[in-house]
N, C-alpha and C. Protein backbone atom coordinates (compact mmCIF):
# COMPACT_ATOMS: atom_id res chain seq x y z
N UNK A 1 6.91 -39.35 22.24
CA UNK A 1 6.91 -38.56 21.02
C UNK A 1 5.74 -37.58 21.08
N UNK A 2 5.99 -36.29 20.72
CA UNK A 2 4.91 -35.31 20.78
C UNK A 2 3.81 -35.60 19.76
N UNK A 3 2.60 -35.24 20.11
CA UNK A 3 1.47 -35.39 19.20
C UNK A 3 1.50 -34.26 18.19
N UNK A 4 1.05 -34.53 16.99
CA UNK A 4 0.94 -33.48 15.99
C UNK A 4 -0.26 -33.76 15.12
N UNK A 5 -0.75 -32.72 14.49
CA UNK A 5 -1.91 -32.86 13.62
C UNK A 5 -1.80 -31.86 12.49
N UNK A 6 -2.37 -32.19 11.36
CA UNK A 6 -2.46 -31.25 10.25
C UNK A 6 -3.89 -30.75 10.20
N UNK A 7 -4.04 -29.43 10.17
CA UNK A 7 -5.38 -28.85 10.15
C UNK A 7 -5.43 -27.71 9.15
N UNK A 8 -6.62 -27.26 8.87
CA UNK A 8 -6.84 -26.12 7.99
C UNK A 8 -6.06 -24.91 8.49
N UNK A 9 -5.42 -24.18 7.58
CA UNK A 9 -4.57 -23.06 7.95
C UNK A 9 -5.34 -21.96 8.68
N UNK A 10 -6.55 -21.68 8.27
CA UNK A 10 -7.35 -20.65 8.93
C UNK A 10 -7.66 -21.06 10.36
N UNK A 11 -7.99 -22.31 10.55
CA UNK A 11 -8.26 -22.82 11.89
C UNK A 11 -7.00 -22.73 12.75
N UNK A 12 -5.85 -23.03 12.15
CA UNK A 12 -4.59 -22.96 12.90
C UNK A 12 -4.36 -21.55 13.44
N UNK A 13 -4.57 -20.53 12.62
CA UNK A 13 -4.37 -19.16 13.09
C UNK A 13 -5.38 -18.79 14.16
N UNK A 14 -6.59 -19.26 14.04
CA UNK A 14 -7.60 -19.00 15.08
C UNK A 14 -7.18 -19.63 16.40
N UNK A 15 -6.68 -20.86 16.34
CA UNK A 15 -6.23 -21.53 17.56
C UNK A 15 -5.03 -20.82 18.18
N UNK A 16 -4.09 -20.41 17.35
CA UNK A 16 -2.92 -19.68 17.85
C UNK A 16 -3.35 -18.37 18.50
N UNK A 17 -4.28 -17.66 17.87
CA UNK A 17 -4.73 -16.38 18.43
C UNK A 17 -5.45 -16.55 19.76
N UNK A 18 -5.95 -17.76 20.02
CA UNK A 18 -6.60 -18.06 21.30
C UNK A 18 -5.61 -18.64 22.32
N UNK A 19 -4.34 -18.71 21.94
CA UNK A 19 -3.32 -19.23 22.85
C UNK A 19 -3.29 -20.74 22.94
N UNK A 20 -3.81 -21.41 21.92
CA UNK A 20 -3.93 -22.87 21.96
C UNK A 20 -2.90 -23.59 21.10
N UNK A 21 -1.80 -22.96 20.78
CA UNK A 21 -0.79 -23.65 20.01
C UNK A 21 0.14 -22.71 19.28
N UNK A 22 0.94 -23.29 18.41
CA UNK A 22 1.92 -22.57 17.60
C UNK A 22 1.76 -23.04 16.17
N UNK A 23 2.27 -22.27 15.22
CA UNK A 23 2.27 -22.69 13.83
C UNK A 23 3.45 -22.07 13.10
N UNK A 24 3.84 -22.68 12.01
CA UNK A 24 4.85 -22.13 11.11
C UNK A 24 4.09 -21.64 9.90
N UNK A 25 4.31 -20.38 9.56
CA UNK A 25 3.50 -19.74 8.53
C UNK A 25 4.34 -18.76 7.74
N UNK A 26 3.93 -18.45 6.53
CA UNK A 26 4.58 -17.38 5.77
C UNK A 26 4.13 -16.04 6.34
N UNK A 27 4.99 -15.03 6.21
CA UNK A 27 4.64 -13.70 6.73
C UNK A 27 3.37 -13.18 6.07
N UNK A 28 3.24 -13.40 4.76
CA UNK A 28 2.06 -12.88 4.06
C UNK A 28 0.78 -13.52 4.60
N UNK A 29 0.86 -14.75 5.04
CA UNK A 29 -0.31 -15.42 5.60
C UNK A 29 -0.67 -14.92 6.99
N UNK A 30 0.31 -14.36 7.69
CA UNK A 30 0.10 -13.86 9.05
C UNK A 30 -0.22 -12.37 9.11
N UNK A 31 0.06 -11.67 8.05
CA UNK A 31 0.03 -10.21 8.06
C UNK A 31 -1.22 -9.62 8.70
N UNK A 32 -2.39 -10.03 8.25
CA UNK A 32 -3.63 -9.45 8.78
C UNK A 32 -3.79 -9.70 10.28
N UNK A 33 -3.43 -10.90 10.73
CA UNK A 33 -3.52 -11.22 12.16
C UNK A 33 -2.51 -10.40 12.97
N UNK A 34 -1.33 -10.17 12.40
CA UNK A 34 -0.32 -9.36 13.09
C UNK A 34 -0.78 -7.91 13.21
N UNK A 35 -1.27 -7.35 12.11
CA UNK A 35 -1.73 -5.96 12.11
C UNK A 35 -2.89 -5.78 13.10
N UNK A 36 -3.75 -6.79 13.18
CA UNK A 36 -4.89 -6.71 14.10
C UNK A 36 -4.49 -6.95 15.55
N UNK A 37 -3.23 -7.33 15.78
CA UNK A 37 -2.76 -7.57 17.14
C UNK A 37 -3.25 -8.88 17.74
N UNK A 38 -3.69 -9.80 16.89
CA UNK A 38 -4.22 -11.08 17.38
C UNK A 38 -3.12 -12.07 17.74
N UNK A 39 -1.95 -11.92 17.12
CA UNK A 39 -0.84 -12.86 17.35
C UNK A 39 0.47 -12.09 17.37
N UNK A 40 1.51 -12.76 17.80
CA UNK A 40 2.87 -12.24 17.63
C UNK A 40 3.63 -13.28 16.82
N UNK A 41 4.70 -12.84 16.17
CA UNK A 41 5.46 -13.75 15.31
C UNK A 41 6.92 -13.35 15.28
N UNK A 42 7.77 -14.30 14.99
CA UNK A 42 9.20 -14.05 14.85
C UNK A 42 9.71 -14.88 13.68
N UNK A 43 10.60 -14.30 12.87
CA UNK A 43 11.15 -15.07 11.75
C UNK A 43 11.99 -16.25 12.24
N UNK A 44 12.00 -17.30 11.46
CA UNK A 44 12.85 -18.46 11.73
C UNK A 44 14.08 -18.30 10.84
N UNK A 45 15.22 -18.05 11.44
CA UNK A 45 16.45 -17.81 10.69
C UNK A 45 16.80 -19.01 9.81
N UNK A 46 17.07 -18.73 8.54
CA UNK A 46 17.47 -19.78 7.62
C UNK A 46 16.34 -20.62 7.07
N UNK A 47 15.11 -20.24 7.34
CA UNK A 47 13.95 -21.00 6.85
C UNK A 47 13.15 -20.11 5.92
N UNK A 48 13.08 -20.49 4.67
CA UNK A 48 12.34 -19.72 3.67
C UNK A 48 11.23 -20.56 3.08
N UNK A 49 10.13 -19.93 2.73
CA UNK A 49 9.02 -20.60 2.06
C UNK A 49 8.95 -20.07 0.64
N UNK A 50 8.89 -20.96 -0.32
CA UNK A 50 8.84 -20.56 -1.72
C UNK A 50 7.48 -20.95 -2.29
N UNK A 51 6.82 -20.00 -2.92
CA UNK A 51 5.51 -20.23 -3.53
C UNK A 51 5.69 -20.38 -5.03
N UNK A 52 4.91 -21.27 -5.62
CA UNK A 52 4.99 -21.49 -7.07
C UNK A 52 3.60 -21.65 -7.65
N UNK A 53 3.46 -21.24 -8.89
CA UNK A 53 2.25 -21.50 -9.65
C UNK A 53 2.59 -22.65 -10.60
N UNK A 54 1.97 -23.78 -10.39
CA UNK A 54 2.29 -24.97 -11.18
C UNK A 54 1.21 -25.23 -12.22
N UNK A 55 1.63 -25.79 -13.34
CA UNK A 55 0.69 -26.17 -14.39
C UNK A 55 1.20 -27.44 -15.07
N UNK A 56 0.34 -28.07 -15.80
CA UNK A 56 0.69 -29.30 -16.50
C UNK A 56 1.67 -29.02 -17.64
N UNK A 57 2.69 -29.86 -17.76
CA UNK A 57 3.61 -29.74 -18.89
C UNK A 57 2.94 -30.18 -20.18
N UNK A 58 1.89 -30.97 -20.06
CA UNK A 58 1.25 -31.55 -21.23
C UNK A 58 0.16 -30.68 -21.83
N UNK A 59 -0.16 -29.57 -21.16
CA UNK A 59 -1.21 -28.69 -21.68
C UNK A 59 -0.66 -27.28 -21.80
N UNK A 60 -0.93 -26.62 -22.90
CA UNK A 60 -0.46 -25.23 -23.05
C UNK A 60 -1.20 -24.31 -22.08
N UNK A 61 -0.52 -23.24 -21.67
CA UNK A 61 -1.17 -22.27 -20.79
C UNK A 61 -2.26 -21.53 -21.56
N UNK A 62 -3.42 -21.44 -20.98
CA UNK A 62 -4.51 -20.70 -21.61
C UNK A 62 -4.31 -19.21 -21.37
N UNK A 63 -5.00 -18.40 -22.13
CA UNK A 63 -4.93 -16.96 -21.93
C UNK A 63 -5.39 -16.58 -20.52
N UNK A 64 -6.40 -17.29 -20.02
CA UNK A 64 -6.91 -17.01 -18.67
C UNK A 64 -5.82 -17.25 -17.62
N UNK A 65 -5.07 -18.32 -17.76
CA UNK A 65 -4.00 -18.62 -16.80
C UNK A 65 -2.89 -17.57 -16.90
N UNK A 66 -2.57 -17.15 -18.11
CA UNK A 66 -1.54 -16.12 -18.28
C UNK A 66 -1.98 -14.81 -17.61
N UNK A 67 -3.25 -14.46 -17.75
CA UNK A 67 -3.78 -13.26 -17.11
C UNK A 67 -3.75 -13.42 -15.60
N UNK A 68 -4.16 -14.60 -15.12
CA UNK A 68 -4.15 -14.88 -13.68
C UNK A 68 -2.74 -14.76 -13.11
N UNK A 69 -1.76 -15.32 -13.81
CA UNK A 69 -0.38 -15.23 -13.36
C UNK A 69 0.07 -13.76 -13.26
N UNK A 70 -0.30 -12.98 -14.25
CA UNK A 70 0.03 -11.56 -14.22
C UNK A 70 -0.61 -10.85 -13.04
N UNK A 71 -1.86 -11.19 -12.76
CA UNK A 71 -2.56 -10.59 -11.62
C UNK A 71 -1.90 -10.98 -10.31
N UNK A 72 -1.50 -12.24 -10.18
CA UNK A 72 -0.80 -12.68 -8.97
C UNK A 72 0.50 -11.91 -8.77
N UNK A 73 1.26 -11.77 -9.85
CA UNK A 73 2.52 -11.04 -9.76
C UNK A 73 2.30 -9.58 -9.38
N UNK A 74 1.27 -8.96 -9.95
CA UNK A 74 0.95 -7.56 -9.60
C UNK A 74 0.59 -7.43 -8.13
N UNK A 75 -0.26 -8.34 -7.64
CA UNK A 75 -0.66 -8.31 -6.23
C UNK A 75 0.54 -8.50 -5.32
N UNK A 76 1.39 -9.47 -5.67
CA UNK A 76 2.58 -9.73 -4.85
C UNK A 76 3.51 -8.52 -4.87
N UNK A 77 3.73 -7.94 -6.04
CA UNK A 77 4.60 -6.77 -6.15
C UNK A 77 4.06 -5.61 -5.31
N UNK A 78 2.75 -5.43 -5.33
CA UNK A 78 2.14 -4.37 -4.52
C UNK A 78 2.34 -4.63 -3.02
N UNK A 79 2.07 -5.87 -2.60
CA UNK A 79 2.21 -6.21 -1.18
C UNK A 79 3.65 -6.08 -0.72
N UNK A 80 4.59 -6.47 -1.57
CA UNK A 80 6.01 -6.35 -1.22
C UNK A 80 6.42 -4.88 -1.19
N UNK A 81 6.03 -4.14 -2.21
CA UNK A 81 6.38 -2.72 -2.30
C UNK A 81 5.81 -1.88 -1.17
N UNK A 82 4.62 -2.25 -0.69
CA UNK A 82 3.98 -1.49 0.39
C UNK A 82 4.53 -1.86 1.77
N UNK A 83 5.30 -2.95 1.82
CA UNK A 83 5.84 -3.40 3.10
C UNK A 83 4.94 -4.38 3.82
N UNK A 84 3.78 -4.69 3.24
CA UNK A 84 2.88 -5.65 3.88
C UNK A 84 3.52 -7.04 3.98
N UNK A 85 4.29 -7.41 2.97
CA UNK A 85 5.01 -8.70 2.98
C UNK A 85 6.49 -8.38 3.12
N UNK A 86 6.89 -7.97 4.30
CA UNK A 86 8.22 -7.40 4.51
C UNK A 86 9.37 -8.36 4.26
N UNK A 87 9.16 -9.65 4.32
CA UNK A 87 10.26 -10.59 4.11
C UNK A 87 10.22 -11.24 2.73
N UNK A 88 9.25 -10.86 1.91
CA UNK A 88 9.07 -11.52 0.61
C UNK A 88 9.98 -10.92 -0.45
N UNK A 89 10.32 -11.77 -1.42
CA UNK A 89 11.10 -11.37 -2.59
C UNK A 89 10.39 -11.92 -3.81
N UNK A 90 10.19 -11.09 -4.81
CA UNK A 90 9.54 -11.53 -6.04
C UNK A 90 10.60 -11.91 -7.05
N UNK A 91 10.59 -13.17 -7.47
CA UNK A 91 11.60 -13.66 -8.42
C UNK A 91 11.20 -13.35 -9.84
C-alpha cells in the first residue's frame, strides 16, 4: 500500500515545486505558483471542489460576518471575472 501523509498546503506546494511530489488543489490555490512558472497543473475531469462559509445555526450572523461574506464574494467575483480563477463559478 502506498504511503501518504497530510501536510500544510503551503508546504505541499513548495514540495511539488521542488519536484518532490504531487498534490490535488483548487485552481485558485495554485494560481500564483502557475503564473510564476513554479509548477504545472492539469484539471481532473469530473472532480470539483466546493468552498463554503459556514456558521453556527444557533447564533445569528453578526454585522461583521455579513460584511466579511460580502468582501469574500467581491474578491471571488473579481478573481473569476479577471480570469485568475478560470475554472471557478460563483453561486
